[in-house]
Amino acid sequence: MAHLPESISALAAALTRLPGIGPRSAERISLHIVQADTSAVKFLAEALLRARESVHLCSVCGALTDASPCRICSDTTRESALVCVVEKPVDILSVEKSGTFRGKYHVLGGKISPLNGVQPGDLRIADLERRLSSEPIREIILALGTDVEGDATAFYIAKTLAKTGLRISRIAHGLPAGSALEGADELTLSHALEGRREMK
Protein backbone atom coordinates (compact mmCIF):
# COMPACT_ATOMS: atom_id res chain seq x y z
CA MET A 1 0.00 0.00 0.00
CA ALA A 2 3.07 2.26 0.25
CA HIS A 3 2.89 3.38 -3.42
CA LEU A 4 -0.86 4.00 -3.49
CA PRO A 5 -2.34 7.50 -3.29
CA GLU A 6 -3.03 8.47 0.30
CA SER A 7 -6.83 8.41 -0.12
CA ILE A 8 -6.74 4.82 -1.43
CA SER A 9 -4.45 3.74 1.41
CA ALA A 10 -6.84 5.36 3.90
CA LEU A 11 -9.81 3.56 2.32
CA ALA A 12 -7.94 0.23 2.42
CA ALA A 13 -7.00 0.81 6.06
CA ALA A 14 -10.67 1.45 6.88
CA LEU A 15 -11.74 -1.73 5.06
CA THR A 16 -9.24 -3.88 7.00
CA ARG A 17 -11.22 -3.02 10.13
CA LEU A 18 -14.11 -5.08 8.76
CA PRO A 19 -14.26 -8.78 9.73
CA GLY A 20 -12.76 -11.18 7.19
CA ILE A 21 -11.01 -8.51 5.11
CA GLY A 22 -7.23 -8.65 5.18
CA PRO A 23 -4.79 -6.10 3.72
CA ARG A 24 -4.70 -7.62 0.22
CA SER A 25 -8.49 -7.89 -0.06
CA ALA A 26 -8.83 -4.34 1.26
CA GLU A 27 -6.42 -3.07 -1.37
CA ARG A 28 -8.29 -4.88 -4.19
CA ILE A 29 -11.67 -3.56 -3.00
CA SER A 30 -10.28 -0.02 -2.67
CA LEU A 31 -8.84 -0.09 -6.18
CA HIS A 32 -12.15 -1.41 -7.52
CA ILE A 33 -14.14 1.32 -5.76
CA VAL A 34 -12.00 4.23 -7.01
CA GLN A 35 -12.26 2.93 -10.59
CA ALA A 36 -16.00 2.21 -10.49
CA ASP A 37 -18.72 4.52 -11.85
CA THR A 38 -19.51 7.38 -9.49
CA SER A 39 -23.16 6.28 -9.44
CA ALA A 40 -22.19 2.76 -8.29
CA VAL A 41 -20.02 4.18 -5.49
CA LYS A 42 -22.80 6.55 -4.41
CA PHE A 43 -25.25 3.63 -4.38
CA LEU A 44 -22.85 1.64 -2.15
CA ALA A 45 -22.29 4.59 0.20
CA GLU A 46 -26.04 5.24 0.48
CA ALA A 47 -26.79 1.56 1.08
CA LEU A 48 -24.21 1.51 3.90
CA LEU A 49 -25.67 4.62 5.56
CA ARG A 50 -29.27 3.47 5.07
CA ALA A 51 -28.54 0.08 6.63
CA ARG A 52 -26.70 1.64 9.57
CA GLU A 53 -29.44 4.18 10.22
CA SER A 54 -32.45 1.89 9.79
CA VAL A 55 -31.26 -1.31 11.49
CA HIS A 56 -31.71 -1.48 15.25
CA LEU A 57 -32.40 -4.09 17.92
CA CYS A 58 -35.86 -5.62 18.20
CA SER A 59 -37.66 -4.30 21.30
CA VAL A 60 -38.78 -7.85 22.18
CA CYS A 61 -35.98 -10.29 21.37
CA GLY A 62 -32.95 -8.08 20.62
CA ALA A 63 -32.48 -9.27 17.01
CA LEU A 64 -31.23 -6.98 14.25
CA THR A 65 -34.26 -5.53 12.47
CA ASP A 66 -35.55 -2.55 10.54
CA ALA A 67 -39.04 -2.93 12.10
CA SER A 68 -39.91 -3.56 15.73
CA PRO A 69 -41.00 -6.11 16.73
CA CYS A 70 -38.91 -8.06 14.22
CA ARG A 71 -40.35 -10.45 11.63
CA ILE A 72 -39.69 -13.52 13.79
CA CYS A 73 -41.39 -12.02 16.86
CA SER A 74 -44.34 -10.95 14.67
CA ASP A 75 -44.67 -14.33 12.93
CA THR A 76 -47.78 -16.03 14.35
CA THR A 77 -46.84 -19.36 12.72
CA ARG A 78 -43.78 -19.74 14.95
CA GLU A 79 -43.91 -21.58 18.28
CA SER A 80 -44.30 -18.93 20.98
CA ALA A 81 -43.80 -21.55 23.71
CA LEU A 82 -40.21 -22.19 22.62
CA VAL A 83 -37.51 -19.53 23.05
CA CYS A 84 -33.90 -19.99 21.97
CA VAL A 85 -31.48 -17.84 23.99
CA VAL A 86 -28.37 -16.70 22.10
CA GLU A 87 -25.44 -14.44 22.87
CA LYS A 88 -25.44 -12.08 19.85
CA PRO A 89 -27.95 -11.01 17.19
CA VAL A 90 -25.86 -12.73 14.47
CA ASP A 91 -26.34 -16.05 16.29
CA ILE A 92 -30.00 -15.94 15.26
CA LEU A 93 -28.91 -16.00 11.62
CA SER A 94 -26.76 -19.08 12.31
CA VAL A 95 -29.64 -20.96 13.97
CA GLU A 96 -32.11 -19.91 11.26
CA LYS A 97 -29.80 -21.28 8.55
CA SER A 98 -30.07 -24.72 10.20
CA GLY A 99 -33.76 -24.72 9.24
CA THR A 100 -34.56 -26.77 12.34
CA PHE A 101 -35.84 -24.24 14.84
CA ARG A 102 -39.37 -22.80 14.53
CA GLY A 103 -39.65 -21.04 17.87
CA LYS A 104 -38.68 -17.51 18.89
CA TYR A 105 -35.46 -15.96 20.19
CA HIS A 106 -33.93 -13.90 22.95
CA VAL A 107 -30.55 -12.17 22.56
CA LEU A 108 -28.54 -11.70 25.76
CA GLY A 109 -26.16 -9.13 24.30
CA GLY A 110 -23.06 -10.93 25.57
CA LYS A 111 -22.04 -13.51 28.16
CA ILE A 112 -20.99 -13.35 31.79
CA SER A 113 -17.28 -12.56 31.90
CA PRO A 114 -16.00 -11.05 35.19
CA LEU A 115 -12.50 -10.66 33.68
CA ASN A 116 -13.99 -8.38 31.00
CA GLY A 117 -16.25 -6.61 33.47
CA VAL A 118 -19.48 -8.25 32.20
CA GLN A 119 -21.83 -9.16 35.05
CA PRO A 120 -25.30 -10.78 34.85
CA GLY A 121 -26.92 -7.34 35.23
CA ASP A 122 -25.21 -6.20 32.02
CA LEU A 123 -27.06 -8.83 29.98
CA ARG A 124 -30.72 -8.97 28.92
CA ILE A 125 -31.60 -11.63 31.51
CA ALA A 126 -34.16 -9.40 33.29
CA ASP A 127 -35.83 -8.78 29.90
CA LEU A 128 -36.12 -12.55 29.43
CA GLU A 129 -37.74 -12.89 32.87
CA ARG A 130 -40.24 -10.15 31.95
CA ARG A 131 -41.14 -12.01 28.76
CA LEU A 132 -42.07 -15.07 30.84
CA SER A 133 -44.96 -13.15 32.39
CA SER A 134 -46.38 -11.91 29.09
CA GLU A 135 -45.69 -14.76 26.66
CA PRO A 136 -46.77 -18.44 26.76
CA ILE A 137 -43.16 -19.69 27.07
CA ARG A 138 -42.77 -23.32 28.21
CA GLU A 139 -39.19 -24.10 27.19
CA ILE A 140 -35.97 -22.10 27.07
CA ILE A 141 -33.18 -23.48 24.88
CA LEU A 142 -29.78 -22.09 25.81
CA ALA A 143 -27.80 -21.91 22.55
CA LEU A 144 -24.60 -20.43 23.93
CA GLY A 145 -20.98 -21.19 23.03
CA THR A 146 -19.22 -24.03 24.81
CA ASP A 147 -16.40 -21.91 26.25
CA VAL A 148 -16.04 -21.11 29.98
CA GLU A 149 -18.08 -17.89 29.76
CA GLY A 150 -20.82 -19.59 27.74
CA ASP A 151 -21.03 -22.39 30.34
CA ALA A 152 -21.12 -19.91 33.23
CA THR A 153 -23.87 -17.89 31.53
CA ALA A 154 -25.95 -20.99 30.77
CA PHE A 155 -25.72 -22.25 34.35
CA TYR A 156 -26.54 -18.80 35.76
CA ILE A 157 -29.68 -18.54 33.61
CA ALA A 158 -30.71 -22.13 34.42
CA LYS A 159 -30.35 -21.41 38.12
CA THR A 160 -32.16 -18.06 37.88
CA LEU A 161 -35.12 -19.58 36.01
CA ALA A 162 -35.22 -22.88 37.92
CA LYS A 163 -38.09 -21.71 40.13
CA THR A 164 -40.31 -20.88 37.14
CA GLY A 165 -41.03 -24.54 36.36
CA LEU A 166 -39.99 -24.07 32.73
CA ARG A 167 -38.14 -26.75 30.83
CA ILE A 168 -34.62 -25.36 30.42
CA SER A 169 -32.41 -27.19 27.94
CA ARG A 170 -29.06 -26.59 26.32
CA ILE A 171 -27.99 -27.44 22.79
CA ALA A 172 -26.08 -30.69 22.86
CA HIS A 173 -23.51 -32.64 20.85
CA GLY A 174 -22.10 -31.30 17.64
CA LEU A 175 -20.47 -28.12 18.92
CA PRO A 176 -16.78 -28.56 19.73
CA ALA A 177 -15.65 -27.35 23.16
CA GLY A 178 -14.70 -23.69 23.16
CA SER A 179 -16.59 -22.91 19.95
CA ALA A 180 -19.09 -20.18 19.12
CA LEU A 181 -22.35 -20.52 17.18
CA GLU A 182 -21.07 -18.31 14.36
CA GLY A 183 -18.50 -20.89 13.26
CA ALA A 184 -20.87 -23.87 13.22
CA ASP A 185 -22.36 -25.16 9.98
CA GLU A 186 -26.11 -25.69 9.46
CA LEU A 187 -26.04 -29.48 9.92
CA THR A 188 -24.01 -29.27 13.14
CA LEU A 189 -26.41 -26.69 14.57
CA SER A 190 -29.40 -28.76 13.50
CA HIS A 191 -28.04 -31.82 15.37
CA ALA A 192 -27.17 -29.68 18.39
CA LEU A 193 -30.73 -28.29 18.59
CA GLU A 194 -32.35 -31.70 18.15
CA GLY A 195 -30.11 -33.26 20.76
CA ARG A 196 -30.55 -30.56 23.38
CA ARG A 197 -30.54 -31.76 26.98
CA GLU A 198 -32.43 -30.49 29.98
CA MET A 199 -30.50 -28.47 32.56
CA LYS A 200 -31.27 -29.22 36.20
C-alpha atoms as a PDB file:
ATOM      1  CA  MET A   1       0.000   0.000   0.000  1.00  0.00           C
ATOM      2  CA  ALA A   2       3.074   2.263   0.252  1.00  0.00           C
ATOM      3  CA  HIS A   3       2.889   3.381  -3.415  1.00  0.00           C
ATOM      4  CA  LEU A   4      -0.859   3.999  -3.492  1.00  0.00           C
ATOM      5  CA  PRO A   5      -2.340   7.502  -3.290  1.00  0.00           C
ATOM      6  CA  GLU A   6      -3.034   8.471   0.301  1.00  0.00           C
ATOM      7  CA  SER A   7      -6.834   8.410  -0.116  1.00  0.00           C
ATOM      8  CA  ILE A   8      -6.744   4.822  -1.431  1.00  0.00           C
ATOM      9  CA  SER A   9      -4.447   3.744   1.408  1.00  0.00           C
ATOM     10  CA  ALA A  10      -6.839   5.361   3.900  1.00  0.00           C
ATOM     11  CA  LEU A  11      -9.815   3.557   2.321  1.00  0.00           C
ATOM     12  CA  ALA A  12      -7.937   0.234   2.417  1.00  0.00           C
ATOM     13  CA  ALA A  13      -6.997   0.808   6.061  1.00  0.00           C
ATOM     14  CA  ALA A  14     -10.673   1.446   6.876  1.00  0.00           C
ATOM     15  CA  LEU A  15     -11.736  -1.731   5.061  1.00  0.00           C
ATOM     16  CA  THR A  16      -9.242  -3.885   7.003  1.00  0.00           C
ATOM     17  CA  ARG A  17     -11.217  -3.024  10.134  1.00  0.00           C
ATOM     18  CA  LEU A  18     -14.113  -5.077   8.756  1.00  0.00           C
ATOM     19  CA  PRO A  19     -14.260  -8.778   9.733  1.00  0.00           C
ATOM     20  CA  GLY A  20     -12.761 -11.177   7.193  1.00  0.00           C
ATOM     21  CA  ILE A  21     -11.006  -8.508   5.110  1.00  0.00           C
ATOM     22  CA  GLY A  22      -7.230  -8.655   5.176  1.00  0.00           C
ATOM     23  CA  PRO A  23      -4.792  -6.098   3.723  1.00  0.00           C
ATOM     24  CA  ARG A  24      -4.700  -7.623   0.216  1.00  0.00           C
ATOM     25  CA  SER A  25      -8.492  -7.889  -0.065  1.00  0.00           C
ATOM     26  CA  ALA A  26      -8.834  -4.343   1.258  1.00  0.00           C
ATOM     27  CA  GLU A  27      -6.419  -3.071  -1.370  1.00  0.00           C
ATOM     28  CA  ARG A  28      -8.285  -4.883  -4.186  1.00  0.00           C
ATOM     29  CA  ILE A  29     -11.671  -3.558  -3.003  1.00  0.00           C
ATOM     30  CA  SER A  30     -10.276  -0.021  -2.665  1.00  0.00           C
ATOM     31  CA  LEU A  31      -8.845  -0.086  -6.180  1.00  0.00           C
ATOM     32  CA  HIS A  32     -12.154  -1.410  -7.523  1.00  0.00           C
ATOM     33  CA  ILE A  33     -14.136   1.324  -5.764  1.00  0.00           C
ATOM     34  CA  VAL A  34     -11.998   4.227  -7.015  1.00  0.00           C
ATOM     35  CA  GLN A  35     -12.257   2.933 -10.591  1.00  0.00           C
ATOM     36  CA  ALA A  36     -16.001   2.215 -10.492  1.00  0.00           C
ATOM     37  CA  ASP A  37     -18.724   4.517 -11.854  1.00  0.00           C
ATOM     38  CA  THR A  38     -19.515   7.375  -9.488  1.00  0.00           C
ATOM     39  CA  SER A  39     -23.162   6.283  -9.440  1.00  0.00           C
ATOM     40  CA  ALA A  40     -22.189   2.765  -8.292  1.00  0.00           C
ATOM     41  CA  VAL A  41     -20.022   4.178  -5.492  1.00  0.00           C
ATOM     42  CA  LYS A  42     -22.800   6.553  -4.407  1.00  0.00           C
ATOM     43  CA  PHE A  43     -25.251   3.635  -4.380  1.00  0.00           C
ATOM     44  CA  LEU A  44     -22.854   1.641  -2.151  1.00  0.00           C
ATOM     45  CA  ALA A  45     -22.293   4.586   0.203  1.00  0.00           C
ATOM     46  CA  GLU A  46     -26.039   5.245   0.480  1.00  0.00           C
ATOM     47  CA  ALA A  47     -26.786   1.562   1.085  1.00  0.00           C
ATOM     48  CA  LEU A  48     -24.211   1.511   3.905  1.00  0.00           C
ATOM     49  CA  LEU A  49     -25.667   4.620   5.558  1.00  0.00           C
ATOM     50  CA  ARG A  50     -29.266   3.468   5.068  1.00  0.00           C
ATOM     51  CA  ALA A  51     -28.544   0.076   6.635  1.00  0.00           C
ATOM     52  CA  ARG A  52     -26.702   1.638   9.575  1.00  0.00           C
ATOM     53  CA  GLU A  53     -29.437   4.182  10.216  1.00  0.00           C
ATOM     54  CA  SER A  54     -32.450   1.886   9.791  1.00  0.00           C
ATOM     55  CA  VAL A  55     -31.264  -1.313  11.485  1.00  0.00           C
ATOM     56  CA  HIS A  56     -31.707  -1.478  15.252  1.00  0.00           C
ATOM     57  CA  LEU A  57     -32.398  -4.093  17.923  1.00  0.00           C
ATOM     58  CA  CYS A  58     -35.861  -5.623  18.202  1.00  0.00           C
ATOM     59  CA  SER A  59     -37.659  -4.297  21.296  1.00  0.00           C
ATOM     60  CA  VAL A  60     -38.784  -7.846  22.181  1.00  0.00           C
ATOM     61  CA  CYS A  61     -35.975 -10.286  21.373  1.00  0.00           C
ATOM     62  CA  GLY A  62     -32.952  -8.079  20.618  1.00  0.00           C
ATOM     63  CA  ALA A  63     -32.477  -9.270  17.015  1.00  0.00           C
ATOM     64  CA  LEU A  64     -31.227  -6.977  14.253  1.00  0.00           C
ATOM     65  CA  THR A  65     -34.262  -5.531  12.475  1.00  0.00           C
ATOM     66  CA  ASP A  66     -35.554  -2.547  10.542  1.00  0.00           C
ATOM     67  CA  ALA A  67     -39.042  -2.928  12.095  1.00  0.00           C
ATOM     68  CA  SER A  68     -39.905  -3.564  15.730  1.00  0.00           C
ATOM     69  CA  PRO A  69     -41.004  -6.109  16.726  1.00  0.00           C
ATOM     70  CA  CYS A  70     -38.911  -8.055  14.216  1.00  0.00           C
ATOM     71  CA  ARG A  71     -40.350 -10.453  11.627  1.00  0.00           C
ATOM     72  CA  ILE A  72     -39.693 -13.517  13.788  1.00  0.00           C
ATOM     73  CA  CYS A  73     -41.395 -12.017  16.863  1.00  0.00           C
ATOM     74  CA  SER A  74     -44.336 -10.949  14.668  1.00  0.00           C
ATOM     75  CA  ASP A  75     -44.674 -14.328  12.927  1.00  0.00           C
ATOM     76  CA  THR A  76     -47.781 -16.032  14.347  1.00  0.00           C
ATOM     77  CA  THR A  77     -46.835 -19.358  12.722  1.00  0.00           C
ATOM     78  CA  ARG A  78     -43.784 -19.741  14.950  1.00  0.00           C
ATOM     79  CA  GLU A  79     -43.906 -21.578  18.279  1.00  0.00           C
ATOM     80  CA  SER A  80     -44.297 -18.933  20.977  1.00  0.00           C
ATOM     81  CA  ALA A  81     -43.805 -21.553  23.711  1.00  0.00           C
ATOM     82  CA  LEU A  82     -40.207 -22.192  22.622  1.00  0.00           C
ATOM     83  CA  VAL A  83     -37.507 -19.533  23.052  1.00  0.00           C
ATOM     84  CA  CYS A  84     -33.897 -19.992  21.970  1.00  0.00           C
ATOM     85  CA  VAL A  85     -31.479 -17.836  23.987  1.00  0.00           C
ATOM     86  CA  VAL A  86     -28.367 -16.699  22.098  1.00  0.00           C
ATOM     87  CA  GLU A  87     -25.442 -14.435  22.871  1.00  0.00           C
ATOM     88  CA  LYS A  88     -25.437 -12.080  19.852  1.00  0.00           C
ATOM     89  CA  PRO A  89     -27.953 -11.010  17.190  1.00  0.00           C
ATOM     90  CA  VAL A  90     -25.859 -12.731  14.472  1.00  0.00           C
ATOM     91  CA  ASP A  91     -26.336 -16.054  16.293  1.00  0.00           C
ATOM     92  CA  ILE A  92     -30.005 -15.942  15.264  1.00  0.00           C
ATOM     93  CA  LEU A  93     -28.910 -15.996  11.623  1.00  0.00           C
ATOM     94  CA  SER A  94     -26.763 -19.080  12.311  1.00  0.00           C
ATOM     95  CA  VAL A  95     -29.642 -20.964  13.967  1.00  0.00           C
ATOM     96  CA  GLU A  96     -32.109 -19.905  11.257  1.00  0.00           C
ATOM     97  CA  LYS A  97     -29.796 -21.284   8.552  1.00  0.00           C
ATOM     98  CA  SER A  98     -30.067 -24.717  10.198  1.00  0.00           C
ATOM     99  CA  GLY A  99     -33.759 -24.716   9.240  1.00  0.00           C
ATOM    100  CA  THR A 100     -34.565 -26.771  12.337  1.00  0.00           C
ATOM    101  CA  PHE A 101     -35.835 -24.238  14.837  1.00  0.00           C
ATOM    102  CA  ARG A 102     -39.369 -22.801  14.530  1.00  0.00           C
ATOM    103  CA  GLY A 103     -39.646 -21.039  17.873  1.00  0.00           C
ATOM    104  CA  LYS A 104     -38.683 -17.514  18.892  1.00  0.00           C
ATOM    105  CA  TYR A 105     -35.455 -15.957  20.186  1.00  0.00           C
ATOM    106  CA  HIS A 106     -33.927 -13.899  22.946  1.00  0.00           C
ATOM    107  CA  VAL A 107     -30.549 -12.166  22.560  1.00  0.00           C
ATOM    108  CA  LEU A 108     -28.542 -11.702  25.758  1.00  0.00           C
ATOM    109  CA  GLY A 109     -26.165  -9.131  24.297  1.00  0.00           C
ATOM    110  CA  GLY A 110     -23.059 -10.934  25.566  1.00  0.00           C
ATOM    111  CA  LYS A 111     -22.037 -13.505  28.159  1.00  0.00           C
ATOM    112  CA  ILE A 112     -20.993 -13.347  31.785  1.00  0.00           C
ATOM    113  CA  SER A 113     -17.284 -12.557  31.903  1.00  0.00           C
ATOM    114  CA  PRO A 114     -15.998 -11.049  35.189  1.00  0.00           C
ATOM    115  CA  LEU A 115     -12.502 -10.656  33.682  1.00  0.00           C
ATOM    116  CA  ASN A 116     -13.986  -8.381  31.001  1.00  0.00           C
ATOM    117  CA  GLY A 117     -16.253  -6.614  33.470  1.00  0.00           C
ATOM    118  CA  VAL A 118     -19.481  -8.248  32.200  1.00  0.00           C
ATOM    119  CA  GLN A 119     -21.827  -9.163  35.054  1.00  0.00           C
ATOM    120  CA  PRO A 120     -25.302 -10.778  34.853  1.00  0.00           C
ATOM    121  CA  GLY A 121     -26.916  -7.340  35.230  1.00  0.00           C
ATOM    122  CA  ASP A 122     -25.206  -6.196  32.024  1.00  0.00           C
ATOM    123  CA  LEU A 123     -27.060  -8.829  29.982  1.00  0.00           C
ATOM    124  CA  ARG A 124     -30.724  -8.967  28.915  1.00  0.00           C
ATOM    125  CA  ILE A 125     -31.603 -11.631  31.508  1.00  0.00           C
ATOM    126  CA  ALA A 126     -34.160  -9.399  33.285  1.00  0.00           C
ATOM    127  CA  ASP A 127     -35.827  -8.778  29.897  1.00  0.00           C
ATOM    128  CA  LEU A 128     -36.118 -12.545  29.434  1.00  0.00           C
ATOM    129  CA  GLU A 129     -37.738 -12.889  32.866  1.00  0.00           C
ATOM    130  CA  ARG A 130     -40.235 -10.148  31.947  1.00  0.00           C
ATOM    131  CA  ARG A 131     -41.140 -12.014  28.765  1.00  0.00           C
ATOM    132  CA  LEU A 132     -42.070 -15.068  30.843  1.00  0.00           C
ATOM    133  CA  SER A 133     -44.962 -13.152  32.395  1.00  0.00           C
ATOM    134  CA  SER A 134     -46.385 -11.907  29.094  1.00  0.00           C
ATOM    135  CA  GLU A 135     -45.687 -14.764  26.656  1.00  0.00           C
ATOM    136  CA  PRO A 136     -46.768 -18.444  26.756  1.00  0.00           C
ATOM    137  CA  ILE A 137     -43.162 -19.695  27.066  1.00  0.00           C
ATOM    138  CA  ARG A 138     -42.773 -23.316  28.210  1.00  0.00           C
ATOM    139  CA  GLU A 139     -39.189 -24.099  27.189  1.00  0.00           C
ATOM    140  CA  ILE A 140     -35.970 -22.098  27.074  1.00  0.00           C
ATOM    141  CA  ILE A 141     -33.182 -23.478  24.881  1.00  0.00           C
ATOM    142  CA  LEU A 142     -29.776 -22.087  25.806  1.00  0.00           C
ATOM    143  CA  ALA A 143     -27.805 -21.906  22.554  1.00  0.00           C
ATOM    144  CA  LEU A 144     -24.603 -20.428  23.931  1.00  0.00           C
ATOM    145  CA  GLY A 145     -20.979 -21.185  23.032  1.00  0.00           C
ATOM    146  CA  THR A 146     -19.215 -24.026  24.806  1.00  0.00           C
ATOM    147  CA  ASP A 147     -16.404 -21.909  26.246  1.00  0.00           C
ATOM    148  CA  VAL A 148     -16.038 -21.114  29.976  1.00  0.00           C
ATOM    149  CA  GLU A 149     -18.078 -17.889  29.763  1.00  0.00           C
ATOM    150  CA  GLY A 150     -20.815 -19.594  27.741  1.00  0.00           C
ATOM    151  CA  ASP A 151     -21.029 -22.391  30.337  1.00  0.00           C
ATOM    152  CA  ALA A 152     -21.122 -19.905  33.231  1.00  0.00           C
ATOM    153  CA  THR A 153     -23.873 -17.888  31.533  1.00  0.00           C
ATOM    154  CA  ALA A 154     -25.949 -20.992  30.765  1.00  0.00           C
ATOM    155  CA  PHE A 155     -25.721 -22.250  34.352  1.00  0.00           C
ATOM    156  CA  TYR A 156     -26.539 -18.801  35.759  1.00  0.00           C
ATOM    157  CA  ILE A 157     -29.683 -18.544  33.613  1.00  0.00           C
ATOM    158  CA  ALA A 158     -30.714 -22.126  34.419  1.00  0.00           C
ATOM    159  CA  LYS A 159     -30.345 -21.405  38.123  1.00  0.00           C
ATOM    160  CA  THR A 160     -32.163 -18.059  37.883  1.00  0.00           C
ATOM    161  CA  LEU A 161     -35.118 -19.577  36.011  1.00  0.00           C
ATOM    162  CA  ALA A 162     -35.221 -22.878  37.916  1.00  0.00           C
ATOM    163  CA  LYS A 163     -38.085 -21.714  40.133  1.00  0.00           C
ATOM    164  CA  THR A 164     -40.311 -20.879  37.142  1.00  0.00           C
ATOM    165  CA  GLY A 165     -41.032 -24.540  36.364  1.00  0.00           C
ATOM    166  CA  LEU A 166     -39.992 -24.067  32.726  1.00  0.00           C
ATOM    167  CA  ARG A 167     -38.137 -26.746  30.830  1.00  0.00           C
ATOM    168  CA  ILE A 168     -34.624 -25.356  30.422  1.00  0.00           C
ATOM    169  CA  SER A 169     -32.413 -27.185  27.935  1.00  0.00           C
ATOM    170  CA  ARG A 170     -29.064 -26.585  26.320  1.00  0.00           C
ATOM    171  CA  ILE A 171     -27.992 -27.436  22.793  1.00  0.00           C
ATOM    172  CA  ALA A 172     -26.081 -30.686  22.859  1.00  0.00           C
ATOM    173  CA  HIS A 173     -23.513 -32.641  20.854  1.00  0.00           C
ATOM    174  CA  GLY A 174     -22.098 -31.302  17.644  1.00  0.00           C
ATOM    175  CA  LEU A 175     -20.474 -28.122  18.923  1.00  0.00           C
ATOM    176  CA  PRO A 176     -16.781 -28.564  19.734  1.00  0.00           C
ATOM    177  CA  ALA A 177     -15.655 -27.345  23.159  1.00  0.00           C
ATOM    178  CA  GLY A 178     -14.697 -23.687  23.161  1.00  0.00           C
ATOM    179  CA  SER A 179     -16.591 -22.905  19.953  1.00  0.00           C
ATOM    180  CA  ALA A 180     -19.088 -20.178  19.115  1.00  0.00           C
ATOM    181  CA  LEU A 181     -22.352 -20.524  17.180  1.00  0.00           C
ATOM    182  CA  GLU A 182     -21.070 -18.313  14.363  1.00  0.00           C
ATOM    183  CA  GLY A 183     -18.502 -20.889  13.263  1.00  0.00           C
ATOM    184  CA  ALA A 184     -20.874 -23.869  13.224  1.00  0.00           C
ATOM    185  CA  ASP A 185     -22.363 -25.158   9.978  1.00  0.00           C
ATOM    186  CA  GLU A 186     -26.113 -25.694   9.462  1.00  0.00           C
ATOM    187  CA  LEU A 187     -26.039 -29.484   9.925  1.00  0.00           C
ATOM    188  CA  THR A 188     -24.014 -29.267  13.141  1.00  0.00           C
ATOM    189  CA  LEU A 189     -26.409 -26.691  14.569  1.00  0.00           C
ATOM    190  CA  SER A 190     -29.397 -28.758  13.499  1.00  0.00           C
ATOM    191  CA  HIS A 191     -28.044 -31.819  15.370  1.00  0.00           C
ATOM    192  CA  ALA A 192     -27.173 -29.677  18.394  1.00  0.00           C
ATOM    193  CA  LEU A 193     -30.725 -28.288  18.587  1.00  0.00           C
ATOM    194  CA  GLU A 194     -32.355 -31.696  18.145  1.00  0.00           C
ATOM    195  CA  GLY A 195     -30.108 -33.258  20.762  1.00  0.00           C
ATOM    196  CA  ARG A 196     -30.554 -30.562  23.381  1.00  0.00           C
ATOM    197  CA  ARG A 197     -30.541 -31.757  26.976  1.00  0.00           C
ATOM    198  CA  GLU A 198     -32.427 -30.489  29.980  1.00  0.00           C
ATOM    199  CA  MET A 199     -30.503 -28.474  32.558  1.00  0.00           C
ATOM    200  CA  LYS A 200     -31.270 -29.217  36.202  1.00  0.00           C
END
